[in-house]
């Protein structure tokens, strides 16, 4: 019964390792031959596939029906310096012979001496830390990782829902609307007059001549029903017809306001 379980476990492990090897070969091929058009999402997909296959392999090893492989002993029965075609086929040409030179490397049960020394050093450093200090460090690291994962999840949710606006505006719409309203309608402007300004501007005041001179630039509107003959113009102001001396044509509207009146006052 144990031999049957061991055989089934080995078949499952061989299948999982073969899938992992194919994924690695495909990923290495992409890195070596398609690096110019390789995208980051494709690399992440390959890493995700490898991670999933490794997790599946660990689950097979930790399964209750899988016997402990550390309790199994592998002993080479035949060692030969000659080329072995069966080993070549099983190893896909990586191991041509099964001799005394390759057996220590392929059947090694311990890591390299350098790696083993580094592991011992790490174990020694870990034993020097007290239990309370180690627990505090573990809690601090877990807290940092939890906060980081929470922030990443929040950013992903906001990005998917369209909550993040990457568009940068060089202006403030509220300020622009307030400026347009002030220029067009006088909204928000003060109606107070400066001290010393009173009634309408008299002709003797200095600003009156400027206002009267500016009136000459107003576009004239011809009277309805007037004759088609063009009337004489002087300084941009239509002159009265003969026989009507001193009469102001009704087509001209004069509205002289106080010089101190605000242009946006209603």
C-alpha atoms as a PDB file:
ATOM      1  CA  UNK A   1       0.000   0.000   0.000  1.00  0.00           C
ATOM      2  CA  UNK A   2       2.776   2.466   0.852  1.00  0.00           C
ATOM      3  CA  UNK A   3       4.556   1.652  -2.378  1.00  0.00           C
ATOM      4  CA  UNK A   4       1.342   2.358  -4.311  1.00  0.00           C
ATOM      5  CA  UNK A   5       0.903   5.720  -2.608  1.00  0.00           C
ATOM      6  CA  UNK A   6       4.527   6.548  -3.268  1.00  0.00           C
ATOM      7  CA  UNK A   7       4.123   5.686  -6.939  1.00  0.00           C
ATOM      8  CA  UNK A   8       0.985   7.822  -7.313  1.00  0.00           C
ATOM      9  CA  UNK A   9       2.639  10.698  -5.490  1.00  0.00           C
ATOM     10  CA  UNK A  10       5.678  10.526  -7.719  1.00  0.00           C
ATOM     11  CA  UNK A  11       3.490  10.573 -10.833  1.00  0.00           C
ATOM     12  CA  UNK A  12       1.651  13.655  -9.568  1.00  0.00           C
ATOM     13  CA  UNK A  13       4.933  15.372  -8.710  1.00  0.00           C
ATOM     14  CA  UNK A  14       6.424  14.544 -12.088  1.00  0.00           C
ATOM     15  CA  UNK A  15       3.359  15.993 -13.827  1.00  0.00           C
ATOM     16  CA  UNK A  16       3.469  19.197 -11.793  1.00  0.00           C
ATOM     17  CA  UNK A  17       7.209  19.611 -12.302  1.00  0.00           C
ATOM     18  CA  UNK A  18       6.785  19.072 -16.052  1.00  0.00           C
ATOM     19  CA  UNK A  19       4.169  21.840 -16.229  1.00  0.00           C
ATOM     20  CA  UNK A  20       6.424  24.132 -14.230  1.00  0.00           C
ATOM     21  CA  UNK A  21       9.362  23.361 -16.490  1.00  0.00           C
ATOM     22  CA  UNK A  22       7.327  24.139 -19.629  1.00  0.00           C
ATOM     23  CA  UNK A  23       6.243  27.469 -18.174  1.00  0.00           C
ATOM     24  CA  UNK A  24       9.835  28.350 -17.324  1.00  0.00           C
ATOM     25  CA  UNK A  25      11.034  27.390 -20.803  1.00  0.00           C
ATOM     26  CA  UNK A  26       8.311  29.538 -22.379  1.00  0.00           C
ATOM     27  CA  UNK A  27       9.117  32.516 -20.167  1.00  0.00           C
ATOM     28  CA  UNK A  28      12.861  32.269 -20.823  1.00  0.00           C
ATOM     29  CA  UNK A  29      12.169  32.075 -24.569  1.00  0.00           C
ATOM     30  CA  UNK A  30      10.140  35.284 -24.365  1.00  0.00           C
ATOM     31  CA  UNK A  31      12.899  37.063 -22.465  1.00  0.00           C
ATOM     32  CA  UNK A  32      15.587  35.988 -24.932  1.00  0.00           C
ATOM     33  CA  UNK A  33      13.724  36.314 -28.259  1.00  0.00           C
ATOM     34  CA  UNK A  34      10.754  38.647 -27.723  1.00  0.00           C
ATOM     35  CA  UNK A  35      12.302  41.211 -25.394  1.00  0.00           C
ATOM     36  CA  UNK A  36      11.771  44.055 -27.911  1.00  0.00           C
ATOM     37  CA  UNK A  37       7.976  43.658 -27.929  1.00  0.00           C
ATOM     38  CA  UNK A  38       7.535  42.192 -24.461  1.00  0.00           C
ATOM     39  CA  UNK A  39       5.089  44.158 -22.287  1.00  0.00           C
ATOM     40  CA  UNK A  40       4.933  44.412 -18.530  1.00  0.00           C
ATOM     41  CA  UNK A  41       1.422  42.842 -18.273  1.00  0.00           C
ATOM     42  CA  UNK A  42       2.742  39.811 -20.171  1.00  0.00           C
ATOM     43  CA  UNK A  43       5.640  39.483 -17.719  1.00  0.00           C
ATOM     44  CA  UNK A  44       3.236  39.711 -14.783  1.00  0.00           C
ATOM     45  CA  UNK A  45       1.058  36.998 -16.322  1.00  0.00           C
ATOM     46  CA  UNK A  46       4.072  34.706 -16.644  1.00  0.00           C
ATOM     47  CA  UNK A  47       5.069  35.324 -13.027  1.00  0.00           C
ATOM     48  CA  UNK A  48       1.491  34.683 -11.893  1.00  0.00           C
ATOM     49  CA  UNK A  49       1.449  31.379 -13.795  1.00  0.00           C
ATOM     50  CA  UNK A  50       4.742  30.273 -12.235  1.00  0.00           C
ATOM     51  CA  UNK A  51       3.556  31.278  -8.767  1.00  0.00           C
ATOM     52  CA  UNK A  52       0.342  29.290  -9.150  1.00  0.00           C
ATOM     53  CA  UNK A  53       2.194  26.205 -10.324  1.00  0.00           C
ATOM     54  CA  UNK A  54       4.629  26.413  -7.396  1.00  0.00           C
ATOM     55  CA  UNK A  55       1.719  26.696  -4.962  1.00  0.00           C
ATOM     56  CA  UNK A  56       0.098  23.645  -6.540  1.00  0.00           C
ATOM     57  CA  UNK A  57       3.355  21.712  -6.232  1.00  0.00           C
ATOM     58  CA  UNK A  58       3.607  22.647  -2.538  1.00  0.00           C
ATOM     59  CA  UNK A  59       0.040  21.502  -1.961  1.00  0.00           C
ATOM     60  CA  UNK A  60       0.848  18.133  -3.519  1.00  0.00           C
ATOM     61  CA  UNK A  61       3.906  17.772  -1.286  1.00  0.00           C
ATOM     62  CA  UNK A  62       1.936  18.732   1.840  1.00  0.00           C
ATOM     63  CA  UNK A  63      -1.008  16.480   1.071  1.00  0.00           C
ATOM     64  CA  UNK A  64      -1.806  13.943   3.756  1.00  0.00           C
ATOM     65  CA  UNK A  65      -1.638  11.044   1.314  1.00  0.00           C
ATOM     66  CA  UNK A  66       1.793  12.059   0.054  1.00  0.00           C
ATOM     67  CA  UNK A  67       4.554  10.250   1.944  1.00  0.00           C
ATOM     68  CA  UNK A  68       7.445  12.266   3.320  1.00  0.00           C
ATOM     69  CA  UNK A  69      10.082  12.399   0.616  1.00  0.00           C
ATOM     70  CA  UNK A  70      12.791  13.148   3.166  1.00  0.00           C
ATOM     71  CA  UNK A  71      12.372   9.659   4.516  1.00  0.00           C
ATOM     72  CA  UNK A  72      13.108   8.119   1.141  1.00  0.00           C
ATOM     73  CA  UNK A  73      16.680   7.155   0.284  1.00  0.00           C
ATOM     74  CA  UNK A  74      18.002   7.142  -3.291  1.00  0.00           C
ATOM     75  CA  UNK A  75      20.931   4.860  -3.939  1.00  0.00           C
ATOM     76  CA  UNK A  76      22.622   4.680  -7.359  1.00  0.00           C
ATOM     77  CA  UNK A  77      22.826   1.028  -8.386  1.00  0.00           C
ATOM     78  CA  UNK A  78      24.858   1.392 -11.573  1.00  0.00           C
ATOM     79  CA  UNK A  79      27.530   3.966 -12.300  1.00  0.00           C
ATOM     80  CA  UNK A  80      29.133   4.021 -15.714  1.00  0.00           C
ATOM     81  CA  UNK A  81      31.297   6.498 -17.584  1.00  0.00           C
ATOM     82  CA  UNK A  82      29.660   5.405 -20.850  1.00  0.00           C
ATOM     83  CA  UNK A  83      26.914   7.351 -22.564  1.00  0.00           C
ATOM     84  CA  UNK A  84      23.421   6.301 -21.461  1.00  0.00           C
ATOM     85  CA  UNK A  85      20.659   6.944 -24.011  1.00  0.00           C
ATOM     86  CA  UNK A  86      17.845   6.367 -21.490  1.00  0.00           C
ATOM     87  CA  UNK A  87      19.230   8.994 -19.146  1.00  0.00           C
ATOM     88  CA  UNK A  88      19.706  11.298 -22.107  1.00  0.00           C
ATOM     89  CA  UNK A  89      16.031  10.900 -23.027  1.00  0.00           C
ATOM     90  CA  UNK A  90      14.734  11.397 -19.484  1.00  0.00           C
ATOM     91  CA  UNK A  91      16.909  14.435 -18.829  1.00  0.00           C
ATOM     92  CA  UNK A  92      16.348  15.881 -22.328  1.00  0.00           C
ATOM     93  CA  UNK A  93      20.048  15.729 -23.134  1.00  0.00           C
ATOM     94  CA  UNK A  94      21.267  17.499 -19.997  1.00  0.00           C
ATOM     95  CA  UNK A  95      22.918  14.434 -18.390  1.00  0.00           C
ATOM     96  CA  UNK A  96      24.671  12.227 -20.944  1.00  0.00           C
ATOM     97  CA  UNK A  97      26.351   9.891 -18.429  1.00  0.00           C
ATOM     98  CA  UNK A  98      25.679   8.805 -14.863  1.00  0.00           C
ATOM     99  CA  UNK A  99      29.194   8.577 -13.474  1.00  0.00           C
ATOM    100  CA  UNK A 100      31.031   9.287 -10.238  1.00  0.00           C
ATOM    101  CA  UNK A 101      31.467  12.930 -11.269  1.00  0.00           C
ATOM    102  CA  UNK A 102      27.788  13.822 -11.635  1.00  0.00           C
ATOM    103  CA  UNK A 103      26.281  11.662  -8.887  1.00  0.00           C
ATOM    104  CA  UNK A 104      27.352  13.929  -5.971  1.00  0.00           C
ATOM    105  CA  UNK A 105      25.751  16.930  -7.679  1.00  0.00           C
ATOM    106  CA  UNK A 106      22.471  15.311  -8.752  1.00  0.00           C
ATOM    107  CA  UNK A 107      21.914  13.254  -5.610  1.00  0.00           C
ATOM    108  CA  UNK A 108      22.981  15.919  -3.138  1.00  0.00           C
ATOM    109  CA  UNK A 109      20.779  16.058  -0.027  1.00  0.00           C
ATOM    110  CA  UNK A 110      22.427  19.156   1.442  1.00  0.00           C
ATOM    111  CA  UNK A 111      23.010  22.599  -0.038  1.00  0.00           C
ATOM    112  CA  UNK A 112      26.393  23.851  -1.113  1.00  0.00           C
ATOM    113  CA  UNK A 113      28.867  24.545   1.699  1.00  0.00           C
ATOM    114  CA  UNK A 114      28.672  28.310   1.080  1.00  0.00           C
ATOM    115  CA  UNK A 115      24.875  28.298   1.232  1.00  0.00           C
ATOM    116  CA  UNK A 116      24.908  26.096   4.302  1.00  0.00           C
ATOM    117  CA  UNK A 117      27.267  28.508   6.047  1.00  0.00           C
ATOM    118  CA  UNK A 118      25.006  31.463   5.243  1.00  0.00           C
ATOM    119  CA  UNK A 119      21.994  29.616   6.647  1.00  0.00           C
ATOM    120  CA  UNK A 120      23.864  28.909   9.873  1.00  0.00           C
ATOM    121  CA  UNK A 121      24.768  32.580  10.186  1.00  0.00           C
ATOM    122  CA  UNK A 122      21.145  33.624   9.719  1.00  0.00           C
ATOM    123  CA  UNK A 123      19.973  31.116  12.300  1.00  0.00           C
ATOM    124  CA  UNK A 124      22.577  32.383  14.770  1.00  0.00           C
ATOM    125  CA  UNK A 125      21.483  36.008  14.260  1.00  0.00           C
ATOM    126  CA  UNK A 126      17.831  35.035  14.696  1.00  0.00           C
ATOM    127  CA  UNK A 127      18.482  33.258  17.985  1.00  0.00           C
ATOM    128  CA  UNK A 128      20.095  36.366  19.471  1.00  0.00           C
ATOM    129  CA  UNK A 129      16.810  38.296  19.319  1.00  0.00           C
ATOM    130  CA  UNK A 130      14.540  37.910  22.332  1.00  0.00           C
ATOM    131  CA  UNK A 131      11.021  36.603  21.942  1.00  0.00           C
ATOM    132  CA  UNK A 132       9.406  39.939  22.854  1.00  0.00           C
ATOM    133  CA  UNK A 133      11.555  41.890  20.398  1.00  0.00           C
ATOM    134  CA  UNK A 134      10.878  39.363  17.663  1.00  0.00           C
ATOM    135  CA  UNK A 135       7.125  39.544  18.326  1.00  0.00           C
ATOM    136  CA  UNK A 136       7.184  43.348  18.173  1.00  0.00           C
ATOM    137  CA  UNK A 137       9.061  43.268  14.897  1.00  0.00           C
ATOM    138  CA  UNK A 138       6.607  40.769  13.479  1.00  0.00           C
ATOM    139  CA  UNK A 139       3.620  42.889  14.520  1.00  0.00           C
ATOM    140  CA  UNK A 140       5.205  46.034  13.098  1.00  0.00           C
ATOM    141  CA  UNK A 141       5.939  44.322   9.795  1.00  0.00           C
ATOM    142  CA  UNK A 142       2.416  42.890   9.609  1.00  0.00           C
ATOM    143  CA  UNK A 143       0.946  46.331  10.287  1.00  0.00           C
ATOM    144  CA  UNK A 144       3.030  47.937   7.560  1.00  0.00           C
ATOM    145  CA  UNK A 145       2.072  45.216   5.081  1.00  0.00           C
ATOM    146  CA  UNK A 146      -1.631  45.516   5.983  1.00  0.00           C
ATOM    147  CA  UNK A 147      -1.616  49.290   5.508  1.00  0.00           C
ATOM    148  CA  UNK A 148       0.193  48.959   2.204  1.00  0.00           C
ATOM    149  CA  UNK A 149      -2.237  46.327   0.941  1.00  0.00           C
ATOM    150  CA  UNK A 150      -5.190  48.461   2.025  1.00  0.00           C
ATOM    151  CA  UNK A 151      -3.848  51.471   0.138  1.00  0.00           C
ATOM    152  CA  UNK A 152      -3.191  49.404  -2.975  1.00  0.00           C
ATOM    153  CA  UNK A 153      -6.694  47.922  -2.858  1.00  0.00           C
ATOM    154  CA  UNK A 154      -8.221  51.374  -2.405  1.00  0.00           C
ATOM    155  CA  UNK A 155      -6.286  52.762  -5.367  1.00  0.00           C
ATOM    156  CA  UNK A 156      -7.381  49.839  -7.528  1.00  0.00           C
ATOM    157  CA  UNK A 157     -11.042  50.295  -6.571  1.00  0.00           C
ATOM    158  CA  UNK A 158     -10.935  54.022  -7.276  1.00  0.00           C
ATOM    159  CA  UNK A 159      -9.153  53.452 -10.563  1.00  0.00           C
ATOM    160  CA  UNK A 160     -11.712  50.875 -11.692  1.00  0.00           C
ATOM    161  CA  UNK A 161     -14.666  53.069 -10.711  1.00  0.00           C
ATOM    162  CA  UNK A 162     -13.219  56.076 -12.460  1.00  0.00           C
ATOM    163  CA  UNK A 163     -12.778  58.024  -9.242  1.00  0.00           C
ATOM    164  CA  UNK A 164      -9.251  59.133 -10.096  1.00  0.00           C
ATOM    165  CA  UNK A 165      -9.058  62.138 -12.458  1.00  0.00           C
ATOM    166  CA  UNK A 166      -5.654  62.416 -14.035  1.00  0.00           C
ATOM    167  CA  UNK A 167      -6.564  65.564 -16.031  1.00  0.00           C
ATOM    168  CA  UNK A 168      -4.818  68.692 -14.759  1.00  0.00           C
ATOM    169  CA  UNK A 169      -6.532  72.054 -15.284  1.00  0.00           C
ATOM    170  CA  UNK A 170      -4.403  75.184 -15.423  1.00  0.00           C
ATOM    171  CA  UNK A 171      -7.375  77.351 -14.335  1.00  0.00           C
ATOM    172  CA  UNK A 172     -10.130  77.439 -11.745  1.00  0.00           C
ATOM    173  CA  UNK A 173     -13.622  77.240 -13.327  1.00  0.00           C
ATOM    174  CA  UNK A 174     -15.203  79.065 -10.372  1.00  0.00           C
ATOM    175  CA  UNK A 175     -12.820  82.020 -10.708  1.00  0.00           C
ATOM    176  CA  UNK A 176     -13.377  82.142 -14.476  1.00  0.00           C
ATOM    177  CA  UNK A 177     -17.166  82.228 -14.066  1.00  0.00           C
ATOM    178  CA  UNK A 178     -16.912  84.968 -11.411  1.00  0.00           C
ATOM    179  CA  UNK A 179     -14.677  87.065 -13.702  1.00  0.00           C
ATOM    180  CA  UNK A 180     -17.061  86.691 -16.678  1.00  0.00           C
ATOM    181  CA  UNK A 181     -20.046  87.629 -14.502  1.00  0.00           C
ATOM    182  CA  UNK A 182     -18.242  90.730 -13.212  1.00  0.00           C
ATOM    183  CA  UNK A 183     -17.238  91.922 -16.699  1.00  0.00           C
ATOM    184  CA  UNK A 184     -20.540  91.149 -18.426  1.00  0.00           C
ATOM    185  CA  UNK A 185     -23.100  91.937 -15.693  1.00  0.00           C
ATOM    186  CA  UNK A 186     -21.165  93.838 -13.017  1.00  0.00           C
ATOM    187  CA  UNK A 187     -21.824  91.118 -10.488  1.00  0.00           C
ATOM    188  CA  UNK A 188     -19.977  91.580  -7.227  1.00  0.00           C
ATOM    189  CA  UNK A 189     -18.769  95.113  -7.994  1.00  0.00           C
ATOM    190  CA  UNK A 190     -19.274  97.965  -5.498  1.00  0.00           C
ATOM    191  CA  UNK A 191     -21.878 100.715  -6.264  1.00  0.00           C
ATOM    192  CA  UNK A 192     -20.302 103.331  -3.985  1.00  0.00           C
ATOM    193  CA  UNK A 193     -19.232 106.609  -5.615  1.00  0.00           C
ATOM    194  CA  UNK A 194     -15.982 108.349  -4.764  1.00  0.00           C
ATOM    195  CA  UNK A 195     -16.261 111.378  -2.451  1.00  0.00           C
ATOM    196  CA  UNK A 196     -16.887 114.738  -4.163  1.00  0.00           C
ATOM    197  CA  UNK A 197     -18.887 113.336  -7.079  1.00  0.00           C
ATOM    198  CA  UNK A 198     -22.416 114.642  -7.305  1.00  0.00           C
ATOM    199  CA  UNK A 199     -24.882 115.443 -10.058  1.00  0.00           C
ATOM    200  CA  UNK A 200     -24.495 115.507 -13.818  1.00  0.00           C
ATOM    201  CA  UNK A 201     -21.421 116.880 -15.511  1.00  0.00           C
ATOM    202  CA  UNK A 202     -21.625 120.510 -16.589  1.00  0.00           C
ATOM    203  CA  UNK A 203     -20.122 121.881 -19.743  1.00  0.00           C
ATOM    204  CA  UNK A 204     -17.608 123.861 -17.739  1.00  0.00           C
ATOM    205  CA  UNK A 205     -16.166 120.743 -16.076  1.00  0.00           C
ATOM    206  CA  UNK A 206     -12.973 119.336 -17.579  1.00  0.00           C
ATOM    207  CA  UNK A 207     -14.467 115.903 -18.244  1.00  0.00           C
ATOM    208  CA  UNK A 208     -17.431 117.258 -20.189  1.00  0.00           C
ATOM    209  CA  UNK A 209     -15.454 118.065 -23.297  1.00  0.00           C
ATOM    210  CA  UNK A 210     -14.034 114.548 -23.397  1.00  0.00           C
ATOM    211  CA  UNK A 211     -17.517 113.033 -23.145  1.00  0.00           C
ATOM    212  CA  UNK A 212     -18.923 115.342 -25.844  1.00  0.00           C
ATOM    213  CA  UNK A 213     -15.953 114.639 -28.078  1.00  0.00           C
ATOM    214  CA  UNK A 214     -16.502 110.919 -27.649  1.00  0.00           C
ATOM    215  CA  UNK A 215     -20.081 111.275 -28.773  1.00  0.00           C
ATOM    216  CA  UNK A 216     -18.892 112.125 -32.283  1.00  0.00           C
ATOM    217  CA  UNK A 217     -17.727 108.524 -32.706  1.00  0.00           C
ATOM    218  CA  UNK A 218     -21.225 107.050 -32.196  1.00  0.00           C
ATOM    219  CA  UNK A 219     -22.632 105.396 -35.299  1.00  0.00           C
ATOM    220  CA  UNK A 220     -25.572 107.351 -36.667  1.00  0.00           C
ATOM    221  CA  UNK A 221     -28.905 105.743 -37.456  1.00  0.00           C
ATOM    222  CA  UNK A 222     -30.885 107.213 -40.324  1.00  0.00           C
ATOM    223  CA  UNK A 223     -34.473 108.224 -39.701  1.00  0.00           C
ATOM    224  CA  UNK A 224     -37.179 106.030 -41.103  1.00  0.00           C
ATOM    225  CA  UNK A 225     -38.970 107.680 -44.004  1.00  0.00           C
ATOM    226  CA  UNK A 226     -36.147 110.100 -44.743  1.00  0.00           C
ATOM    227  CA  UNK A 227     -35.216 110.877 -48.293  1.00  0.00           C
ATOM    228  CA  UNK A 228     -32.704 108.661 -50.054  1.00  0.00           C
ATOM    229  CA  UNK A 229     -30.411 111.638 -50.567  1.00  0.00           C
ATOM    230  CA  UNK A 230     -27.479 111.485 -48.162  1.00  0.00           C
ATOM    231  CA  UNK A 231     -27.288 114.327 -45.687  1.00  0.00           C
ATOM    232  CA  UNK A 232     -24.002 116.148 -45.055  1.00  0.00           C
ATOM    233  CA  UNK A 233     -21.839 114.873 -42.221  1.00  0.00           C
ATOM    234  CA  UNK A 234     -19.474 116.878 -40.061  1.00  0.00           C
ATOM    235  CA  UNK A 235     -17.167 115.213 -37.619  1.00  0.00           C
ATOM    236  CA  UNK A 236     -19.183 111.996 -37.761  1.00  0.00           C
ATOM    237  CA  UNK A 237     -22.431 113.847 -36.666  1.00  0.00           C
ATOM    238  CA  UNK A 238     -25.280 114.235 -39.086  1.00  0.00           C
ATOM    239  CA  UNK A 239     -26.057 117.923 -39.837  1.00  0.00           C
ATOM    240  CA  UNK A 240     -29.649 119.202 -39.761  1.00  0.00           C
ATOM    241  CA  UNK A 241     -31.452 119.814 -43.051  1.00  0.00           C
ATOM    242  CA  UNK A 242     -32.012 123.247 -44.488  1.00  0.00           C
ATOM    243  CA  UNK A 243     -35.149 124.948 -43.211  1.00  0.00           C
ATOM    244  CA  UNK A 244     -34.804 123.261 -39.825  1.00  0.00           C
ATOM    245  CA  UNK A 245     -32.089 125.268 -38.136  1.00  0.00           C
ATOM    246  CA  UNK A 246     -31.008 124.110 -34.733  1.00  0.00           C
ATOM    247  CA  UNK A 247     -33.216 121.042 -34.790  1.00  0.00           C
ATOM    248  CA  UNK A 248     -31.555 117.840 -33.638  1.00  0.00           C
ATOM    249  CA  UNK A 249     -32.451 114.879 -35.858  1.00  0.00           C
ATOM    250  CA  UNK A 250     -34.560 112.341 -34.061  1.00  0.00           C
ATOM    251  CA  UNK A 251     -32.246 109.549 -35.232  1.00  0.00           C
ATOM    252  CA  UNK A 252     -29.500 110.712 -32.843  1.00  0.00           C
ATOM    253  CA  UNK A 253     -29.921 109.800 -29.202  1.00  0.00           C
ATOM    254  CA  UNK A 254     -27.814 111.697 -26.731  1.00  0.00           C
ATOM    255  CA  UNK A 255     -27.427 110.338 -23.247  1.00  0.00           C
ATOM    256  CA  UNK A 256     -24.689 112.118 -21.332  1.00  0.00           C
ATOM    257  CA  UNK A 257     -24.108 110.539 -17.956  1.00  0.00           C
ATOM    258  CA  UNK A 258     -22.119 111.713 -15.032  1.00  0.00           C
ATOM    259  CA  UNK A 259     -18.405 111.105 -15.383  1.00  0.00           C
ATOM    260  CA  UNK A 260     -18.326 109.666 -11.895  1.00  0.00           C
ATOM    261  CA  UNK A 261     -21.050 107.074 -12.594  1.00  0.00           C
ATOM    262  CA  UNK A 262     -19.827 103.487 -12.563  1.00  0.00           C
ATOM    263  CA  UNK A 263     -20.084 101.831 -16.020  1.00  0.00           C
ATOM    264  CA  UNK A 264     -21.798  98.751 -14.548  1.00  0.00           C
ATOM    265  CA  UNK A 265     -24.299 100.644 -12.366  1.00  0.00           C
ATOM    266  CA  UNK A 266     -27.913  99.843 -13.176  1.00  0.00           C
END
